[in-house]
Amino acid sequence: MLRPLLGDADRAAVLERLESAAHVEMARFRELNALVRGVEPLSAHREEFAWVVAALRARAAR
């Protein structure tokens, strides 16, 4: 199910990147940084990628 989305990418590397991008403090920093710069903050997409993170964690646990 993940192959169409990720291709042959290293699953552990993708999981690490998604987890770091979805980190609550980092997401808040990006939001505040955008506000200081006077631009609209980008969505963190945490909800949209939650299933991808769960699938990668399950696969890594095997």
PDB file of N, CA and C in Angstrom:
ATOM      1  N   MET A   1       0.814  -1.204   0.000  1.00  0.00           N
ATOM      2  CA  MET A   1       0.000   0.000   0.000  1.00  0.00           C
ATOM      3  C   MET A   1       0.858   1.268   0.000  1.00  0.00           C
ATOM      4  N   LEU A   2       2.034   1.198   0.593  1.00  0.00           N
ATOM      5  CA  LEU A   2       2.903   2.377   0.630  1.00  0.00           C
ATOM      6  C   LEU A   2       3.749   2.523  -0.631  1.00  0.00           C
ATOM      7  N   ARG A   3       3.961   1.446  -1.360  1.00  0.00           N
ATOM      8  CA  ARG A   3       4.828   1.502  -2.542  1.00  0.00           C
ATOM      9  C   ARG A   3       4.369   2.544  -3.568  1.00  0.00           C
ATOM     10  N   PRO A   4       3.068   2.650  -3.889  1.00  0.00           N
ATOM     11  CA  PRO A   4       2.664   3.682  -4.852  1.00  0.00           C
ATOM     12  C   PRO A   4       2.962   5.100  -4.359  1.00  0.00           C
ATOM     13  N   LEU A   5       2.938   5.282  -3.060  1.00  0.00           N
ATOM     14  CA  LEU A   5       3.177   6.597  -2.482  1.00  0.00           C
ATOM     15  C   LEU A   5       4.668   6.908  -2.342  1.00  0.00           C
ATOM     16  N   LEU A   6       5.445   5.914  -1.916  1.00  0.00           N
ATOM     17  CA  LEU A   6       6.850   6.154  -1.575  1.00  0.00           C
ATOM     18  C   LEU A   6       7.852   5.562  -2.553  1.00  0.00           C
ATOM     19  N   GLY A   7       7.396   4.698  -3.435  1.00  0.00           N
ATOM     20  CA  GLY A   7       8.322   4.067  -4.368  1.00  0.00           C
ATOM     21  C   GLY A   7       9.330   3.209  -3.628  1.00  0.00           C
ATOM     22  N   ASP A   8      10.599   3.318  -3.997  1.00  0.00           N
ATOM     23  CA  ASP A   8      11.659   2.524  -3.374  1.00  0.00           C
ATOM     24  C   ASP A   8      12.405   3.288  -2.286  1.00  0.00           C
ATOM     25  N   ALA A   9      11.824   4.361  -1.803  1.00  0.00           N
ATOM     26  CA  ALA A   9      12.474   5.176  -0.773  1.00  0.00           C
ATOM     27  C   ALA A   9      12.689   4.363   0.497  1.00  0.00           C
ATOM     28  N   ASP A  10      13.733   4.708   1.228  1.00  0.00           N
ATOM     29  CA  ASP A  10      14.030   4.071   2.508  1.00  0.00           C
ATOM     30  C   ASP A  10      12.928   4.423   3.502  1.00  0.00           C
ATOM     31  N   ARG A  11      12.185   3.414   3.928  1.00  0.00           N
ATOM     32  CA  ARG A  11      11.034   3.645   4.815  1.00  0.00           C
ATOM     33  C   ARG A  11      11.432   4.288   6.138  1.00  0.00           C
ATOM     34  N   ALA A  12      12.556   3.875   6.701  1.00  0.00           N
ATOM     35  CA  ALA A  12      13.012   4.445   7.972  1.00  0.00           C
ATOM     36  C   ALA A  12      13.333   5.932   7.818  1.00  0.00           C
ATOM     37  N   ALA A  13      13.947   6.297   6.713  1.00  0.00           N
ATOM     38  CA  ALA A  13      14.281   7.705   6.472  1.00  0.00           C
ATOM     39  C   ALA A  13      13.016   8.534   6.280  1.00  0.00           C
ATOM     40  N   VAL A  14      12.048   7.985   5.560  1.00  0.00           N
ATOM     41  CA  VAL A  14      10.778   8.691   5.348  1.00  0.00           C
ATOM     42  C   VAL A  14      10.065   8.876   6.687  1.00  0.00           C
ATOM     43  N   LEU A  15      10.027   7.821   7.509  1.00  0.00           N
ATOM     44  CA  LEU A  15       9.387   7.909   8.819  1.00  0.00           C
ATOM     45  C   LEU A  15      10.056   8.969   9.676  1.00  0.00           C
ATOM     46  N   GLU A  16      11.382   8.980   9.711  1.00  0.00           N
ATOM     47  CA  GLU A  16      12.105   9.973  10.507  1.00  0.00           C
ATOM     48  C   GLU A  16      11.779  11.396  10.052  1.00  0.00           C
ATOM     49  N   ARG A  17      11.732  11.595   8.750  1.00  0.00           N
ATOM     50  CA  ARG A  17      11.445  12.933   8.224  1.00  0.00           C
ATOM     51  C   ARG A  17      10.010  13.361   8.538  1.00  0.00           C
ATOM     52  N   LEU A  18       9.053  12.438   8.378  1.00  0.00           N
ATOM     53  CA  LEU A  18       7.664  12.771   8.674  1.00  0.00           C
ATOM     54  C   LEU A  18       7.473  13.070  10.150  1.00  0.00           C
ATOM     55  N   GLU A  19       8.118  12.277  11.007  1.00  0.00           N
ATOM     56  CA  GLU A  19       7.986  12.515  12.442  1.00  0.00           C
ATOM     57  C   GLU A  19       8.605  13.843  12.847  1.00  0.00           C
ATOM     58  N   SER A  20       9.742  14.187  12.278  1.00  0.00           N
ATOM     59  CA  SER A  20      10.365  15.464  12.637  1.00  0.00           C
ATOM     60  C   SER A  20       9.546  16.639  12.109  1.00  0.00           C
ATOM     61  N   ALA A  21       8.969  16.480  10.928  1.00  0.00           N
ATOM     62  CA  ALA A  21       8.150  17.552  10.362  1.00  0.00           C
ATOM     63  C   ALA A  21       6.855  17.735  11.137  1.00  0.00           C
ATOM     64  N   ALA A  22       6.351  16.648  11.726  1.00  0.00           N
ATOM     65  CA  ALA A  22       5.085  16.708  12.445  1.00  0.00           C
ATOM     66  C   ALA A  22       5.278  17.015  13.930  1.00  0.00           C
ATOM     67  N   HIS A  23       6.510  17.226  14.351  1.00  0.00           N
ATOM     68  CA  HIS A  23       6.786  17.506  15.752  1.00  0.00           C
ATOM     69  C   HIS A  23       6.021  18.759  16.172  1.00  0.00           C
ATOM     70  N   VAL A  24       5.331  18.691  17.277  1.00  0.00           N
ATOM     71  CA  VAL A  24       4.436  19.765  17.715  1.00  0.00           C
ATOM     72  C   VAL A  24       5.171  21.089  17.892  1.00  0.00           C
ATOM     73  N   GLU A  25       6.314  21.051  18.572  1.00  0.00           N
ATOM     74  CA  GLU A  25       7.051  22.295  18.818  1.00  0.00           C
ATOM     75  C   GLU A  25       7.571  22.899  17.515  1.00  0.00           C
ATOM     76  N   MET A  26       8.035  22.043  16.615  1.00  0.00           N
ATOM     77  CA  MET A  26       8.545  22.544  15.338  1.00  0.00           C
ATOM     78  C   MET A  26       7.409  23.140  14.510  1.00  0.00           C
ATOM     79  N   ALA A  27       6.248  22.490  14.518  1.00  0.00           N
ATOM     80  CA  ALA A  27       5.096  23.020  13.788  1.00  0.00           C
ATOM     81  C   ALA A  27       4.699  24.387  14.349  1.00  0.00           C
ATOM     82  N   ARG A  28       4.722  24.513  15.658  1.00  0.00           N
ATOM     83  CA  ARG A  28       4.380  25.801  16.283  1.00  0.00           C
ATOM     84  C   ARG A  28       5.412  26.874  15.922  1.00  0.00           C
ATOM     85  N   PHE A  29       6.684  26.495  15.908  1.00  0.00           N
ATOM     86  CA  PHE A  29       7.740  27.436  15.516  1.00  0.00           C
ATOM     87  C   PHE A  29       7.494  27.936  14.097  1.00  0.00           C
ATOM     88  N   ARG A  30       7.180  27.021  13.181  1.00  0.00           N
ATOM     89  CA  ARG A  30       6.928  27.425  11.790  1.00  0.00           C
ATOM     90  C   ARG A  30       5.728  28.365  11.704  1.00  0.00           C
ATOM     91  N   GLU A  31       4.706  28.072  12.494  1.00  0.00           N
ATOM     92  CA  GLU A  31       3.504  28.916  12.498  1.00  0.00           C
ATOM     93  C   GLU A  31       3.836  30.318  12.997  1.00  0.00           C
ATOM     94  N   LEU A  32       4.555  30.402  14.110  1.00  0.00           N
ATOM     95  CA  LEU A  32       4.919  31.710  14.659  1.00  0.00           C
ATOM     96  C   LEU A  32       5.868  32.465  13.735  1.00  0.00           C
ATOM     97  N   ASN A  33       6.787  31.751  13.123  1.00  0.00           N
ATOM     98  CA  ASN A  33       7.719  32.367  12.183  1.00  0.00           C
ATOM     99  C   ASN A  33       6.954  32.996  11.009  1.00  0.00           C
ATOM    100  N   ALA A  34       5.960  32.288  10.497  1.00  0.00           N
ATOM    101  CA  ALA A  34       5.153  32.822   9.392  1.00  0.00           C
ATOM    102  C   ALA A  34       4.402  34.075   9.836  1.00  0.00           C
ATOM    103  N   LEU A  35       3.862  34.039  11.041  1.00  0.00           N
ATOM    104  CA  LEU A  35       3.125  35.199  11.543  1.00  0.00           C
ATOM    105  C   LEU A  35       4.036  36.420  11.691  1.00  0.00           C
ATOM    106  N   VAL A  36       5.248  36.206  12.185  1.00  0.00           N
ATOM    107  CA  VAL A  36       6.207  37.301  12.344  1.00  0.00           C
ATOM    108  C   VAL A  36       6.566  37.887  10.981  1.00  0.00           C
ATOM    109  N   ARG A  37       6.693  37.012   9.969  1.00  0.00           N
ATOM    110  CA  ARG A  37       7.033  37.472   8.620  1.00  0.00           C
ATOM    111  C   ARG A  37       5.831  38.068   7.902  1.00  0.00           C
ATOM    112  N   GLY A  38       4.639  37.911   8.471  1.00  0.00           N
ATOM    113  CA  GLY A  38       3.445  38.487   7.872  1.00  0.00           C
ATOM    114  C   GLY A  38       2.855  37.664   6.736  1.00  0.00           C
ATOM    115  N   VAL A  39       3.120  36.361   6.732  1.00  0.00           N
ATOM    116  CA  VAL A  39       2.566  35.486   5.700  1.00  0.00           C
ATOM    117  C   VAL A  39       1.658  34.447   6.357  1.00  0.00           C
ATOM    118  N   GLU A  40       0.812  33.863   5.544  1.00  0.00           N
ATOM    119  CA  GLU A  40      -0.107  32.831   6.035  1.00  0.00           C
ATOM    120  C   GLU A  40       0.679  31.553   6.355  1.00  0.00           C
ATOM    121  N   PRO A  41       0.527  31.009   7.573  1.00  0.00           N
ATOM    122  CA  PRO A  41       1.249  29.774   7.902  1.00  0.00           C
ATOM    123  C   PRO A  41       0.747  28.598   7.059  1.00  0.00           C
ATOM    124  N   LEU A  42       1.673  27.731   6.686  1.00  0.00           N
ATOM    125  CA  LEU A  42       1.318  26.534   5.938  1.00  0.00           C
ATOM    126  C   LEU A  42       0.747  25.477   6.880  1.00  0.00           C
ATOM    127  N   SER A  43      -0.122  24.647   6.372  1.00  0.00           N
ATOM    128  CA  SER A  43      -0.688  23.570   7.164  1.00  0.00           C
ATOM    129  C   SER A  43       0.389  22.538   7.467  1.00  0.00           C
ATOM    130  N   ALA A  44       0.371  21.987   8.671  1.00  0.00           N
ATOM    131  CA  ALA A  44       1.337  20.954   9.050  1.00  0.00           C
ATOM    132  C   ALA A  44       0.933  19.595   8.488  1.00  0.00           C
ATOM    133  N   HIS A  45      -0.313  19.439   8.082  1.00  0.00           N
ATOM    134  CA  HIS A  45      -0.824  18.199   7.504  1.00  0.00           C
ATOM    135  C   HIS A  45      -0.659  16.998   8.432  1.00  0.00           C
ATOM    136  N   ARG A  46      -0.661  17.223   9.741  1.00  0.00           N
ATOM    137  CA  ARG A  46      -0.498  16.115  10.685  1.00  0.00           C
ATOM    138  C   ARG A  46      -1.583  15.074  10.517  1.00  0.00           C
ATOM    139  N   GLU A  47      -2.820  15.510  10.405  1.00  0.00           N
ATOM    140  CA  GLU A  47      -3.931  14.567  10.284  1.00  0.00           C
ATOM    141  C   GLU A  47      -3.843  13.781   8.979  1.00  0.00           C
ATOM    142  N   GLU A  48      -3.469  14.457   7.908  1.00  0.00           N
ATOM    143  CA  GLU A  48      -3.410  13.807   6.601  1.00  0.00           C
ATOM    144  C   GLU A  48      -2.323  12.736   6.542  1.00  0.00           C
ATOM    145  N   PHE A  49      -1.211  12.954   7.243  1.00  0.00           N
ATOM    146  CA  PHE A  49      -0.106  12.010   7.180  1.00  0.00           C
ATOM    147  C   PHE A  49      -0.079  11.030   8.352  1.00  0.00           C
ATOM    148  N   ALA A  50      -1.048  11.108   9.249  1.00  0.00           N
ATOM    149  CA  ALA A  50      -1.060  10.221  10.416  1.00  0.00           C
ATOM    150  C   ALA A  50      -1.094   8.755   9.997  1.00  0.00           C
ATOM    151  N   TRP A  51      -1.856   8.430   8.966  1.00  0.00           N
ATOM    152  CA  TRP A  51      -1.933   7.027   8.542  1.00  0.00           C
ATOM    153  C   TRP A  51      -0.627   6.565   7.918  1.00  0.00           C
ATOM    154  N   VAL A  52       0.089   7.459   7.236  1.00  0.00           N
ATOM    155  CA  VAL A  52       1.380   7.088   6.645  1.00  0.00           C
ATOM    156  C   VAL A  52       2.382   6.790   7.759  1.00  0.00           C
ATOM    157  N   VAL A  53       2.418   7.643   8.774  1.00  0.00           N
ATOM    158  CA  VAL A  53       3.322   7.435   9.906  1.00  0.00           C
ATOM    159  C   VAL A  53       2.973   6.133  10.606  1.00  0.00           C
ATOM    160  N   ALA A  54       1.699   5.865  10.841  1.00  0.00           N
ATOM    161  CA  ALA A  54       1.282   4.620  11.501  1.00  0.00           C
ATOM    162  C   ALA A  54       1.684   3.394  10.673  1.00  0.00           C
ATOM    163  N   ALA A  55       1.517   3.457   9.363  1.00  0.00           N
ATOM    164  CA  ALA A  55       1.886   2.340   8.500  1.00  0.00           C
ATOM    165  C   ALA A  55       3.394   2.115   8.514  1.00  0.00           C
ATOM    166  N   LEU A  56       4.166   3.188   8.470  1.00  0.00           N
ATOM    167  CA  LEU A  56       5.627   3.047   8.496  1.00  0.00           C
ATOM    168  C   LEU A  56       6.110   2.511   9.831  1.00  0.00           C
ATOM    169  N   ARG A  57       5.493   2.937  10.924  1.00  0.00           N
ATOM    170  CA  ARG A  57       5.864   2.413  12.244  1.00  0.00           C
ATOM    171  C   ARG A  57       5.549   0.932  12.342  1.00  0.00           C
ATOM    172  N   ALA A  58       4.377   0.541  11.851  1.00  0.00           N
ATOM    173  CA  ALA A  58       3.994  -0.872  11.883  1.00  0.00           C
ATOM    174  C   ALA A  58       4.965  -1.709  11.062  1.00  0.00           C
ATOM    175  N   ARG A  59       5.350  -1.197   9.920  1.00  0.00           N
ATOM    176  CA  ARG A  59       6.282  -1.933   9.039  1.00  0.00           C
ATOM    177  C   ARG A  59       7.662  -2.024   9.679  1.00  0.00           C
ATOM    178  N   ALA A  60       8.092  -0.965  10.349  1.00  0.00           N
ATOM    179  CA  ALA A  60       9.400  -0.961  11.005  1.00  0.00           C
ATOM    180  C   ALA A  60       9.429  -1.917  12.185  1.00  0.00           C
ATOM    181  N   ALA A  61       8.282  -2.153  12.807  1.00  0.00           N
ATOM    182  CA  ALA A  61       8.204  -3.033  13.978  1.00  0.00           C
ATOM    183  C   ALA A  61       8.317  -4.513  13.608  1.00  0.00           C
ATOM    184  N   ARG A  62       8.180  -4.827  12.344  1.00  0.00           N
ATOM    185  CA  ARG A  62       8.262  -6.237  11.916  1.00  0.00           C
ATOM    186  C   ARG A  62       9.641  -6.790  12.030  1.00  0.00           C
TER     187      ARG A  62
END
